[in-house]
Structures are given as C-alpha cells and as structure tokens.
N, C-alpha and C. Protein backbone atom coordinates (compact mmCIF):
# COMPACT_ATOMS: atom_id res chain seq x y z
N MET A 1 31.26 58.02 -7.85
CA MET A 1 31.15 58.75 -9.10
C MET A 1 29.97 59.72 -9.02
N ASN A 2 30.12 60.91 -9.49
CA ASN A 2 29.03 61.86 -9.51
C ASN A 2 27.99 61.46 -10.56
N ALA A 3 26.77 61.83 -10.32
CA ALA A 3 25.70 61.52 -11.26
C ALA A 3 25.73 62.52 -12.41
N GLU A 4 26.79 62.51 -13.19
CA GLU A 4 26.95 63.43 -14.29
C GLU A 4 26.83 62.69 -15.61
N VAL A 5 26.40 63.40 -16.62
CA VAL A 5 26.34 62.85 -17.97
C VAL A 5 27.27 63.67 -18.85
N SER A 6 27.97 62.99 -19.74
CA SER A 6 28.94 63.64 -20.59
C SER A 6 28.32 64.71 -21.48
N PRO A 7 29.05 65.81 -21.73
CA PRO A 7 28.56 66.82 -22.69
C PRO A 7 28.48 66.27 -24.11
N LEU A 8 29.05 65.07 -24.34
CA LEU A 8 28.95 64.45 -25.66
C LEU A 8 27.53 64.02 -25.98
N ILE A 9 26.75 63.76 -24.93
CA ILE A 9 25.41 63.22 -25.15
C ILE A 9 24.43 64.34 -25.49
N SER A 10 23.83 64.21 -26.65
CA SER A 10 22.82 65.16 -27.10
C SER A 10 21.81 64.40 -27.96
N GLN A 11 20.89 65.13 -28.54
CA GLN A 11 19.88 64.50 -29.39
C GLN A 11 20.51 63.86 -30.63
N THR A 12 21.73 64.29 -30.98
CA THR A 12 22.36 63.77 -32.20
C THR A 12 23.37 62.65 -31.94
N THR A 13 23.65 62.34 -30.68
CA THR A 13 24.68 61.35 -30.36
C THR A 13 24.42 60.01 -31.05
N ALA A 14 23.19 59.53 -31.00
CA ALA A 14 22.87 58.22 -31.56
C ALA A 14 23.07 58.17 -33.07
N GLU A 15 23.12 59.32 -33.73
CA GLU A 15 23.30 59.33 -35.19
C GLU A 15 24.65 58.75 -35.59
N TYR A 16 25.60 58.77 -34.67
CA TYR A 16 26.95 58.30 -35.00
C TYR A 16 27.12 56.79 -34.77
N HIS A 17 26.08 56.15 -34.26
CA HIS A 17 26.16 54.72 -34.04
C HIS A 17 26.19 53.96 -35.36
N GLN A 18 26.99 52.87 -35.40
CA GLN A 18 27.01 51.97 -36.55
C GLN A 18 27.01 50.53 -36.04
N TRP A 19 26.23 49.70 -36.69
CA TRP A 19 26.12 48.29 -36.31
C TRP A 19 27.18 47.49 -37.05
N GLN A 20 27.96 46.71 -36.33
CA GLN A 20 29.10 46.01 -36.93
C GLN A 20 28.71 44.88 -37.87
N LEU A 21 27.45 44.49 -37.88
CA LEU A 21 27.01 43.42 -38.79
C LEU A 21 26.09 43.95 -39.89
N LYS A 22 26.12 45.25 -40.14
CA LYS A 22 25.17 45.83 -41.09
C LYS A 22 25.36 45.29 -42.50
N SER A 23 26.57 44.83 -42.83
CA SER A 23 26.81 44.27 -44.16
C SER A 23 27.12 42.78 -44.11
N GLY A 24 26.83 42.15 -42.98
CA GLY A 24 27.14 40.73 -42.83
C GLY A 24 28.63 40.52 -42.66
N GLY A 25 29.13 39.40 -43.12
CA GLY A 25 30.56 39.13 -43.01
C GLY A 25 30.96 38.74 -41.62
N SER A 26 32.24 38.90 -41.32
CA SER A 26 32.79 38.50 -40.03
C SER A 26 32.14 39.30 -38.89
N PRO A 27 31.81 38.62 -37.78
CA PRO A 27 31.27 39.34 -36.63
C PRO A 27 32.34 40.08 -35.84
N ASN A 28 33.61 39.84 -36.16
CA ASN A 28 34.70 40.41 -35.36
C ASN A 28 35.10 41.79 -35.88
N ARG A 29 34.16 42.70 -35.84
CA ARG A 29 34.42 44.04 -36.38
C ARG A 29 34.17 45.14 -35.37
N CYS A 30 34.15 44.79 -34.10
CA CYS A 30 33.88 45.82 -33.09
C CYS A 30 34.96 46.89 -33.05
N GLY A 31 36.23 46.50 -33.30
CA GLY A 31 37.31 47.48 -33.30
C GLY A 31 37.16 48.49 -34.42
N PRO A 32 37.07 48.04 -35.69
CA PRO A 32 36.88 48.99 -36.79
C PRO A 32 35.62 49.83 -36.65
N PHE A 33 34.53 49.23 -36.17
CA PHE A 33 33.29 50.01 -36.04
C PHE A 33 33.35 50.99 -34.87
N SER A 34 34.08 50.64 -33.82
CA SER A 34 34.28 51.60 -32.73
C SER A 34 35.14 52.77 -33.23
N ILE A 35 36.13 52.47 -34.08
CA ILE A 35 36.92 53.53 -34.71
C ILE A 35 36.01 54.48 -35.47
N ALA A 36 35.12 53.91 -36.28
CA ALA A 36 34.22 54.74 -37.09
C ALA A 36 33.29 55.58 -36.22
N ILE A 37 32.73 54.97 -35.19
CA ILE A 37 31.83 55.70 -34.30
C ILE A 37 32.56 56.85 -33.61
N ALA A 38 33.70 56.53 -33.00
CA ALA A 38 34.44 57.55 -32.25
C ALA A 38 34.98 58.64 -33.18
N GLY A 39 35.49 58.23 -34.35
CA GLY A 39 36.03 59.22 -35.29
C GLY A 39 34.96 60.19 -35.75
N ASN A 40 33.78 59.68 -36.07
CA ASN A 40 32.69 60.56 -36.50
C ASN A 40 32.17 61.42 -35.36
N LEU A 41 32.10 60.83 -34.17
CA LEU A 41 31.63 61.58 -33.01
C LEU A 41 32.55 62.77 -32.72
N MET A 42 33.85 62.53 -32.83
CA MET A 42 34.81 63.59 -32.51
C MET A 42 34.91 64.65 -33.60
N THR A 43 34.68 64.26 -34.84
CA THR A 43 34.78 65.22 -35.94
C THR A 43 33.41 65.80 -36.31
N LYS A 44 32.36 65.30 -35.65
CA LYS A 44 30.99 65.73 -35.95
C LYS A 44 30.71 65.64 -37.44
N SER A 45 31.08 64.48 -37.99
CA SER A 45 30.90 64.24 -39.42
C SER A 45 30.60 62.76 -39.62
N PHE A 46 30.53 62.35 -40.88
CA PHE A 46 30.29 60.95 -41.18
C PHE A 46 31.34 60.46 -42.17
N GLN A 47 32.58 60.82 -41.90
CA GLN A 47 33.66 60.47 -42.82
C GLN A 47 34.16 59.05 -42.64
N PHE A 48 33.87 58.42 -41.51
CA PHE A 48 34.34 57.06 -41.25
C PHE A 48 33.20 56.05 -41.39
N ASP A 49 33.41 55.03 -42.19
CA ASP A 49 32.44 53.95 -42.35
C ASP A 49 33.07 52.67 -41.80
N GLY A 50 32.35 51.99 -40.92
CA GLY A 50 32.90 50.81 -40.27
C GLY A 50 33.34 49.72 -41.22
N ASP A 51 32.55 49.46 -42.26
CA ASP A 51 32.93 48.43 -43.23
C ASP A 51 34.23 48.79 -43.95
N THR A 52 34.36 50.06 -44.30
CA THR A 52 35.57 50.51 -44.99
C THR A 52 36.79 50.38 -44.09
N VAL A 53 36.63 50.81 -42.83
CA VAL A 53 37.74 50.69 -41.88
C VAL A 53 38.13 49.23 -41.71
N ALA A 54 37.13 48.34 -41.58
CA ALA A 54 37.40 46.91 -41.39
C ALA A 54 38.18 46.34 -42.57
N GLU A 55 37.79 46.70 -43.78
CA GLU A 55 38.48 46.19 -44.96
C GLU A 55 39.90 46.72 -45.06
N GLU A 56 40.10 47.99 -44.73
CA GLU A 56 41.45 48.56 -44.74
C GLU A 56 42.34 47.86 -43.72
N MET A 57 41.80 47.61 -42.54
CA MET A 57 42.59 46.97 -41.50
C MET A 57 42.83 45.50 -41.80
N LYS A 58 41.88 44.87 -42.50
CA LYS A 58 42.08 43.49 -42.92
C LYS A 58 43.21 43.42 -43.95
N ARG A 59 43.20 44.36 -44.89
CA ARG A 59 44.23 44.39 -45.93
C ARG A 59 45.61 44.70 -45.33
N ASN A 60 45.63 45.57 -44.34
CA ASN A 60 46.88 45.96 -43.68
C ASN A 60 46.95 45.35 -42.29
N TRP A 61 46.64 44.05 -42.20
CA TRP A 61 46.56 43.41 -40.89
C TRP A 61 47.93 43.34 -40.20
N ILE A 62 49.00 43.39 -40.99
CA ILE A 62 50.34 43.48 -40.42
C ILE A 62 51.10 44.51 -41.24
N GLU A 63 51.86 45.34 -40.58
CA GLU A 63 52.62 46.36 -41.29
C GLU A 63 54.00 46.51 -40.67
N TRP A 64 54.91 46.92 -41.50
CA TRP A 64 56.27 47.13 -41.02
C TRP A 64 56.84 48.36 -41.69
N GLN A 65 57.18 49.32 -40.89
CA GLN A 65 57.83 50.53 -41.36
C GLN A 65 59.17 50.61 -40.65
N PRO A 66 60.24 50.12 -41.31
CA PRO A 66 61.55 50.02 -40.65
C PRO A 66 62.03 51.31 -39.99
N ARG A 67 61.64 52.43 -40.53
CA ARG A 67 62.10 53.70 -39.96
C ARG A 67 61.37 54.06 -38.68
N LYS A 68 60.22 53.40 -38.44
CA LYS A 68 59.43 53.72 -37.26
C LYS A 68 59.43 52.62 -36.21
N ALA A 69 59.65 51.38 -36.64
CA ALA A 69 59.59 50.27 -35.68
C ALA A 69 60.57 49.18 -36.08
N LEU A 70 61.18 48.57 -35.09
CA LEU A 70 62.13 47.49 -35.36
C LEU A 70 61.43 46.21 -35.78
N LEU A 71 60.23 46.02 -35.27
CA LEU A 71 59.48 44.79 -35.56
C LEU A 71 58.17 45.14 -36.27
N PRO A 72 57.63 44.20 -37.03
CA PRO A 72 56.33 44.43 -37.66
C PRO A 72 55.25 44.66 -36.60
N ARG A 73 54.24 45.44 -36.96
CA ARG A 73 53.13 45.71 -36.07
C ARG A 73 51.90 44.91 -36.51
N LEU A 74 51.26 44.27 -35.55
CA LEU A 74 50.01 43.56 -35.82
C LEU A 74 48.85 44.53 -35.65
N ASN A 75 48.03 44.66 -36.66
CA ASN A 75 46.83 45.46 -36.56
C ASN A 75 45.62 44.59 -36.24
N ARG A 76 45.52 43.44 -36.94
CA ARG A 76 44.45 42.50 -36.67
C ARG A 76 45.03 41.10 -36.72
N PHE A 77 44.54 40.22 -35.86
CA PHE A 77 45.05 38.85 -35.88
C PHE A 77 43.99 37.89 -35.37
N PRO A 78 43.62 36.91 -36.20
CA PRO A 78 43.90 36.79 -37.64
C PRO A 78 43.41 38.01 -38.40
N PRO A 79 43.71 38.09 -39.71
CA PRO A 79 43.41 39.30 -40.46
C PRO A 79 41.96 39.77 -40.39
N ASP A 80 41.01 38.86 -40.19
CA ASP A 80 39.61 39.24 -40.14
C ASP A 80 39.02 38.98 -38.76
N SER A 81 39.88 39.11 -37.74
CA SER A 81 39.41 38.82 -36.39
C SER A 81 39.78 39.96 -35.44
N ALA A 82 40.44 39.64 -34.34
CA ALA A 82 40.66 40.61 -33.27
C ALA A 82 41.49 41.80 -33.73
N THR A 83 41.06 43.00 -33.34
CA THR A 83 41.79 44.23 -33.63
C THR A 83 42.65 44.59 -32.43
N MET A 84 43.93 44.81 -32.65
CA MET A 84 44.83 45.17 -31.56
C MET A 84 44.53 46.60 -31.07
N PRO A 85 44.53 46.82 -29.76
CA PRO A 85 44.23 48.17 -29.24
C PRO A 85 45.13 49.25 -29.80
N GLY A 86 46.42 48.94 -29.94
CA GLY A 86 47.34 49.93 -30.49
C GLY A 86 46.98 50.30 -31.92
N ALA A 87 46.45 49.34 -32.67
CA ALA A 87 46.06 49.60 -34.05
C ALA A 87 44.88 50.56 -34.12
N ILE A 88 43.99 50.50 -33.13
CA ILE A 88 42.86 51.44 -33.08
C ILE A 88 43.38 52.86 -32.95
N ALA A 89 44.32 53.06 -32.02
CA ALA A 89 44.89 54.39 -31.82
C ALA A 89 45.65 54.85 -33.06
N ARG A 90 46.43 53.96 -33.66
CA ARG A 90 47.22 54.34 -34.83
C ARG A 90 46.33 54.71 -36.01
N TYR A 91 45.27 53.96 -36.21
CA TYR A 91 44.38 54.23 -37.34
C TYR A 91 43.76 55.63 -37.19
N LEU A 92 43.21 55.91 -36.03
CA LEU A 92 42.59 57.21 -35.82
C LEU A 92 43.59 58.34 -35.99
N THR A 93 44.76 58.19 -35.40
CA THR A 93 45.78 59.24 -35.49
C THR A 93 46.21 59.47 -36.94
N SER A 94 46.36 58.38 -37.70
CA SER A 94 46.78 58.51 -39.09
C SER A 94 45.70 59.13 -39.97
N HIS A 95 44.47 59.18 -39.45
CA HIS A 95 43.37 59.77 -40.21
C HIS A 95 42.91 61.10 -39.58
N GLY A 96 43.79 61.73 -38.85
CA GLY A 96 43.54 63.08 -38.37
C GLY A 96 42.76 63.23 -37.09
N VAL A 97 42.54 62.12 -36.36
CA VAL A 97 41.83 62.18 -35.08
C VAL A 97 42.80 61.77 -33.99
N ARG A 98 43.07 62.64 -33.06
CA ARG A 98 44.03 62.34 -32.00
C ARG A 98 43.54 61.18 -31.15
N ALA A 99 44.42 60.22 -30.89
CA ALA A 99 44.07 59.05 -30.08
C ALA A 99 45.31 58.55 -29.36
N LYS A 100 45.10 58.08 -28.15
CA LYS A 100 46.23 57.61 -27.33
C LYS A 100 45.83 56.34 -26.59
N LEU A 101 46.68 55.32 -26.70
CA LEU A 101 46.44 54.06 -26.00
C LEU A 101 46.83 54.19 -24.53
N ARG A 102 45.96 53.71 -23.65
CA ARG A 102 46.22 53.76 -22.21
C ARG A 102 45.88 52.41 -21.59
N VAL A 103 46.46 52.13 -20.44
CA VAL A 103 46.16 50.89 -19.71
C VAL A 103 45.88 51.21 -18.25
N PHE A 104 45.31 50.23 -17.56
CA PHE A 104 44.98 50.34 -16.13
C PHE A 104 44.18 51.61 -15.85
N GLY A 105 43.15 51.81 -16.64
CA GLY A 105 42.31 52.99 -16.48
C GLY A 105 41.36 52.89 -15.31
N SER A 106 40.62 53.94 -15.08
CA SER A 106 39.64 54.00 -14.00
C SER A 106 38.41 54.77 -14.49
N LEU A 107 37.32 54.60 -13.79
CA LEU A 107 36.13 55.36 -14.14
C LEU A 107 36.36 56.86 -13.98
N ALA A 108 37.19 57.22 -13.00
CA ALA A 108 37.50 58.64 -12.81
C ALA A 108 38.24 59.21 -14.03
N GLU A 109 39.14 58.41 -14.62
CA GLU A 109 39.85 58.87 -15.81
C GLU A 109 38.90 58.98 -17.00
N LEU A 110 37.98 58.04 -17.11
CA LEU A 110 36.99 58.13 -18.18
C LEU A 110 36.13 59.37 -18.01
N GLN A 111 35.72 59.64 -16.79
CA GLN A 111 34.88 60.81 -16.54
C GLN A 111 35.64 62.10 -16.85
N GLU A 112 36.92 62.15 -16.49
CA GLU A 112 37.72 63.33 -16.78
C GLU A 112 37.87 63.52 -18.29
N THR A 113 38.08 62.42 -19.00
CA THR A 113 38.19 62.46 -20.46
C THR A 113 36.92 63.01 -21.08
N LEU A 114 35.78 62.49 -20.63
CA LEU A 114 34.51 62.94 -21.18
C LEU A 114 34.24 64.40 -20.85
N SER A 115 34.62 64.82 -19.67
CA SER A 115 34.38 66.21 -19.27
C SER A 115 35.18 67.19 -20.11
N ARG A 116 36.23 66.71 -20.76
CA ARG A 116 37.06 67.55 -21.62
C ARG A 116 36.68 67.43 -23.09
N GLY A 117 35.52 66.84 -23.35
CA GLY A 117 35.01 66.79 -24.71
C GLY A 117 35.55 65.66 -25.56
N MET A 118 36.25 64.71 -24.95
CA MET A 118 36.76 63.55 -25.67
C MET A 118 35.89 62.34 -25.38
N CYS A 119 36.13 61.24 -26.09
CA CYS A 119 35.44 59.99 -25.79
C CYS A 119 36.48 58.90 -25.56
N ALA A 120 36.02 57.71 -25.24
CA ALA A 120 36.94 56.61 -24.91
C ALA A 120 36.47 55.32 -25.57
N ILE A 121 37.45 54.53 -26.00
CA ILE A 121 37.17 53.19 -26.51
C ILE A 121 37.84 52.19 -25.57
N PRO A 122 37.11 51.66 -24.60
CA PRO A 122 37.68 50.63 -23.72
C PRO A 122 37.56 49.25 -24.36
N ILE A 123 38.44 48.36 -23.94
CA ILE A 123 38.37 46.96 -24.37
C ILE A 123 37.86 46.17 -23.17
N ILE A 124 36.70 45.55 -23.32
CA ILE A 124 36.14 44.75 -22.25
C ILE A 124 36.14 43.28 -22.68
N GLY A 125 35.97 42.38 -21.73
CA GLY A 125 35.94 40.97 -22.09
C GLY A 125 36.12 40.06 -20.89
N GLN A 126 36.37 38.80 -21.15
CA GLN A 126 36.61 37.80 -20.11
C GLN A 126 37.65 36.80 -20.61
N TRP A 127 38.80 36.79 -19.98
CA TRP A 127 39.84 35.82 -20.33
C TRP A 127 39.51 34.44 -19.77
N THR A 128 38.76 34.40 -18.69
CA THR A 128 38.54 33.12 -17.99
C THR A 128 37.20 32.49 -18.33
N ASN A 129 36.52 32.98 -19.36
CA ASN A 129 35.20 32.45 -19.69
C ASN A 129 35.29 31.02 -20.20
N HIS A 130 34.41 30.15 -19.69
CA HIS A 130 34.37 28.75 -20.10
C HIS A 130 32.94 28.33 -20.47
N SER A 131 32.84 27.41 -21.40
CA SER A 131 31.58 26.74 -21.71
C SER A 131 31.84 25.25 -21.53
N GLY A 132 31.46 24.73 -20.36
CA GLY A 132 31.83 23.37 -20.01
C GLY A 132 33.33 23.30 -19.82
N PHE A 133 34.00 22.42 -20.56
CA PHE A 133 35.45 22.30 -20.46
C PHE A 133 36.16 23.14 -21.53
N ARG A 134 35.39 23.84 -22.30
CA ARG A 134 35.98 24.61 -23.40
C ARG A 134 36.26 26.04 -22.98
N TRP A 135 37.48 26.48 -23.18
CA TRP A 135 37.87 27.85 -22.85
C TRP A 135 37.39 28.77 -23.96
N GLN A 136 36.58 29.75 -23.63
CA GLN A 136 36.02 30.66 -24.63
C GLN A 136 36.19 32.11 -24.20
N PRO A 137 37.42 32.62 -24.22
CA PRO A 137 37.63 34.03 -23.89
C PRO A 137 37.01 34.92 -24.96
N TRP A 138 36.64 36.13 -24.57
CA TRP A 138 36.09 37.06 -25.54
C TRP A 138 36.55 38.47 -25.21
N GLY A 139 36.59 39.32 -26.21
CA GLY A 139 36.93 40.71 -26.02
C GLY A 139 36.04 41.56 -26.92
N HIS A 140 35.83 42.79 -26.51
CA HIS A 140 34.91 43.65 -27.25
C HIS A 140 35.30 45.11 -27.07
N ALA A 141 35.26 45.86 -28.18
CA ALA A 141 35.50 47.30 -28.15
C ALA A 141 34.16 48.02 -28.31
N LEU A 142 34.01 49.11 -27.59
CA LEU A 142 32.82 49.95 -27.72
C LEU A 142 33.23 51.38 -27.37
N VAL A 143 32.30 52.30 -27.50
CA VAL A 143 32.62 53.72 -27.31
C VAL A 143 31.85 54.26 -26.11
N VAL A 144 32.58 54.73 -25.11
CA VAL A 144 31.95 55.33 -23.92
C VAL A 144 31.69 56.80 -24.19
N VAL A 145 30.42 57.21 -24.03
CA VAL A 145 30.05 58.60 -24.27
C VAL A 145 29.52 59.30 -23.02
N GLY A 146 29.29 58.55 -21.95
CA GLY A 146 28.77 59.18 -20.75
C GLY A 146 28.90 58.29 -19.52
N LEU A 147 28.90 58.92 -18.37
CA LEU A 147 28.92 58.21 -17.09
C LEU A 147 27.87 58.85 -16.20
N ALA A 148 27.13 58.02 -15.52
CA ALA A 148 26.15 58.49 -14.55
C ALA A 148 26.22 57.57 -13.35
N GLU A 149 25.44 57.86 -12.33
CA GLU A 149 25.49 57.05 -11.12
C GLU A 149 25.22 55.59 -11.43
N GLU A 150 26.24 54.74 -11.20
CA GLU A 150 26.13 53.29 -11.38
C GLU A 150 25.88 52.87 -12.82
N ARG A 151 26.18 53.74 -13.78
CA ARG A 151 25.94 53.39 -15.18
C ARG A 151 27.09 53.91 -16.06
N VAL A 152 27.39 53.13 -17.07
CA VAL A 152 28.31 53.56 -18.12
C VAL A 152 27.50 53.60 -19.41
N ILE A 153 27.50 54.74 -20.07
CA ILE A 153 26.66 54.97 -21.23
C ILE A 153 27.52 54.82 -22.49
N VAL A 154 27.09 53.95 -23.40
CA VAL A 154 27.95 53.61 -24.53
C VAL A 154 27.20 53.63 -25.86
N LEU A 155 27.98 53.79 -26.92
CA LEU A 155 27.55 53.45 -28.28
C LEU A 155 28.24 52.12 -28.58
N ASP A 156 27.47 51.07 -28.61
CA ASP A 156 28.00 49.71 -28.73
C ASP A 156 27.75 49.18 -30.14
N PRO A 157 28.81 48.94 -30.93
CA PRO A 157 28.60 48.47 -32.30
C PRO A 157 27.93 47.10 -32.38
N ALA A 158 27.87 46.37 -31.26
CA ALA A 158 27.19 45.08 -31.25
C ALA A 158 25.67 45.24 -31.19
N GLN A 159 25.20 46.44 -30.85
CA GLN A 159 23.77 46.69 -30.80
C GLN A 159 23.28 47.09 -32.19
N LYS A 160 22.25 46.42 -32.68
CA LYS A 160 21.76 46.69 -34.03
C LYS A 160 21.20 48.10 -34.15
N THR A 161 20.40 48.49 -33.18
CA THR A 161 19.83 49.84 -33.20
C THR A 161 19.97 50.46 -31.81
N ILE A 162 19.95 51.76 -31.78
CA ILE A 162 20.02 52.49 -30.51
C ILE A 162 18.93 53.56 -30.52
N ASN A 163 18.15 53.59 -29.46
CA ASN A 163 17.13 54.61 -29.30
C ASN A 163 17.80 55.93 -28.95
N PRO A 164 17.58 56.98 -29.74
CA PRO A 164 18.24 58.26 -29.46
C PRO A 164 17.99 58.78 -28.06
N ASN A 165 16.84 58.41 -27.47
CA ASN A 165 16.50 58.89 -26.14
C ASN A 165 16.87 57.91 -25.04
N ASP A 166 17.51 56.80 -25.41
CA ASP A 166 17.85 55.78 -24.40
C ASP A 166 19.08 55.02 -24.88
N LEU A 167 20.26 55.62 -24.77
CA LEU A 167 21.50 54.99 -25.21
C LEU A 167 21.77 53.75 -24.36
N HIS A 168 22.61 52.86 -24.88
CA HIS A 168 22.87 51.59 -24.20
C HIS A 168 23.59 51.84 -22.86
N LEU A 169 23.13 51.19 -21.82
CA LEU A 169 23.68 51.37 -20.48
C LEU A 169 24.33 50.08 -19.98
N TYR A 170 25.49 50.22 -19.38
CA TYR A 170 26.13 49.11 -18.68
C TYR A 170 26.09 49.43 -17.19
N PRO A 171 25.62 48.52 -16.35
CA PRO A 171 25.81 48.74 -14.91
C PRO A 171 27.30 48.86 -14.63
N SER A 172 27.69 49.82 -13.83
CA SER A 172 29.12 50.09 -13.60
C SER A 172 29.86 48.86 -13.09
N ALA A 173 29.23 48.08 -12.21
CA ALA A 173 29.90 46.90 -11.64
C ALA A 173 30.20 45.87 -12.73
N VAL A 174 29.26 45.69 -13.65
CA VAL A 174 29.46 44.73 -14.74
C VAL A 174 30.54 45.24 -15.68
N PHE A 175 30.46 46.51 -16.04
CA PHE A 175 31.46 47.10 -16.93
C PHE A 175 32.86 46.97 -16.32
N LEU A 176 33.00 47.29 -15.05
CA LEU A 176 34.31 47.22 -14.40
C LEU A 176 34.84 45.80 -14.35
N ARG A 177 33.98 44.83 -14.14
CA ARG A 177 34.42 43.43 -14.11
C ARG A 177 34.98 43.02 -15.47
N TYR A 178 34.27 43.34 -16.52
CA TYR A 178 34.73 42.99 -17.86
C TYR A 178 35.95 43.81 -18.27
N TRP A 179 35.99 45.07 -17.89
CA TRP A 179 37.12 45.93 -18.25
C TRP A 179 38.38 45.50 -17.51
N SER A 180 38.23 45.17 -16.23
CA SER A 180 39.38 44.74 -15.43
C SER A 180 39.99 43.46 -15.97
N SER A 181 39.16 42.59 -16.55
CA SER A 181 39.66 41.34 -17.12
C SER A 181 40.60 41.60 -18.28
N MET A 182 40.50 42.78 -18.90
CA MET A 182 41.34 43.14 -20.03
C MET A 182 42.35 44.23 -19.66
N ALA A 183 42.78 44.22 -18.40
CA ALA A 183 43.79 45.16 -17.89
C ALA A 183 43.35 46.62 -18.03
N ARG A 184 42.05 46.85 -18.09
CA ARG A 184 41.48 48.19 -18.20
C ARG A 184 42.17 49.00 -19.32
N ILE A 185 42.33 48.33 -20.45
CA ILE A 185 42.89 48.98 -21.64
C ILE A 185 41.83 49.91 -22.24
N TRP A 186 42.27 51.09 -22.66
CA TRP A 186 41.35 52.00 -23.32
C TRP A 186 42.11 52.96 -24.23
N ILE A 187 41.38 53.50 -25.20
CA ILE A 187 41.96 54.47 -26.11
C ILE A 187 41.23 55.79 -25.89
N GLN A 188 41.98 56.81 -25.56
CA GLN A 188 41.43 58.15 -25.40
C GLN A 188 41.37 58.80 -26.78
N VAL A 189 40.20 59.30 -27.16
CA VAL A 189 40.00 59.78 -28.53
C VAL A 189 39.52 61.23 -28.53
N GLY A 190 40.18 62.07 -29.31
CA GLY A 190 39.73 63.45 -29.50
C GLY A 190 40.71 64.48 -28.97
N ASP A 191 40.44 65.71 -29.30
CA ASP A 191 41.23 66.83 -28.80
C ASP A 191 40.70 67.28 -27.45
N ASP A 192 41.59 67.73 -26.60
CA ASP A 192 41.21 68.21 -25.27
C ASP A 192 40.56 69.57 -25.41
N GLN A 193 39.23 69.61 -25.40
CA GLN A 193 38.53 70.87 -25.60
C GLN A 193 38.73 71.83 -24.43
N ALA A 194 38.92 71.30 -23.23
CA ALA A 194 39.13 72.17 -22.07
C ALA A 194 40.43 72.96 -22.22
N HIS A 195 41.50 72.29 -22.65
CA HIS A 195 42.77 72.97 -22.84
C HIS A 195 42.74 73.92 -24.02
N LYS A 196 41.93 73.60 -25.02
CA LYS A 196 41.83 74.47 -26.20
C LYS A 196 41.34 75.85 -25.85
N HIS A 197 40.47 75.90 -24.85
CA HIS A 197 39.85 77.17 -24.50
C HIS A 197 40.51 77.87 -23.32
N GLU A 198 41.60 77.30 -22.82
CA GLU A 198 42.32 77.97 -21.75
C GLU A 198 43.12 79.14 -22.32
N PRO A 199 43.08 80.30 -21.68
CA PRO A 199 43.83 81.46 -22.19
C PRO A 199 45.32 81.22 -22.09
N SER A 200 46.04 81.68 -23.09
CA SER A 200 47.50 81.54 -23.07
C SER A 200 48.08 82.68 -22.24
N LEU A 201 49.22 82.40 -21.60
CA LEU A 201 49.86 83.40 -20.75
C LEU A 201 50.92 84.16 -21.52
C-alpha cells in the first residue's frame, strides 16, 4: 500500500465524529452512529444524529415492502442490538446519501474509494472469540477515512473523543484480521467525485 492519506482528512474531519454512548442506553449503536458519521462527512453537514438514527432503526427494526421484496427485511436484530450491513446502506440511500453494500473487500478497494472522495463503513469483528468456554463473537462498524503505510485511519464511534490532529489508527494487520473474520463486508458511501469531474464526450 502506498503511504497516502485520504483527501477526506483535514482539520475538520474530527468534527464529524460522534460517540455511540453519548446519551447512554444500549452500547450496540455502532451501526447507526457510523451512518451518522459517514452521512455528515459526505454531505459536509450535521444533518444526521446517531441517537436519532438508532431510534428510527429500532422502531423500524423489521420492514416489509411487498412491492420491493418478497420477504421482510431485518434492519436490526434484536431491535436494539446488531445492525444489518444492508440496513446501513438502505438507510443512507433513503436519506439522500449514495451507499452500496459490498463483500470480500480489500485495502486496495478502500484506497480507491477514498481517492475518489468517498468513505467506507467496514464491519470488523471476531466470530471465533472465546472467553474460557463461552463463545463471545463480536462485530463493530466504523468509518474509514484514510489509509497510510501499515495503518488504517478511522472515525470510530466506540471512541469517546478524537484528537483532531491524531485520528484513531488501526495497524493494518490487526484491521485485516478482524475484517476478514466478517467476510470483509463494507459499505461504500458517497458520490464518486472523480467521475463527477470527468469531461463528457
């Protein structure tokens, strides 16, 4: 990977961070808060609030639109717990922010996405995590805003505060291990700024 940093990173990037426990309640709000962070980052606004998104998704934890889907869609399961990756993409798209669910991603794809002015919401975790004899799998959504040599730079809703001059860093090897455990699922968020500026023929 080249030692490049995303054009998304600036002095204002940290302003879009939101802590998923800022109002207490369920700790399982990384999905809704990643939606809020990414949505605001892409729109350069503060129209998305993580608590509001979480409550909307809790209320609409399952939905069925017969004209669009044969089976009901799970958004969160249980209603105040895990957020389905597809629900993250659907929520953003329904609120005017382009988003697409992808699987089996790579760091190269993340870097290409960032270079085009978009961001990414990967799902990381460990299916095989154990505490003694107890199986304790975990999953987590966060927002990738930059890549550099051996580092993945993120706005992580699990972090209470973020220093504007020192965004949260994941060692690439650790990030890849956790991401691979979740089939390298990710949501590409935003409009392709590179294509927007290409001249039409």
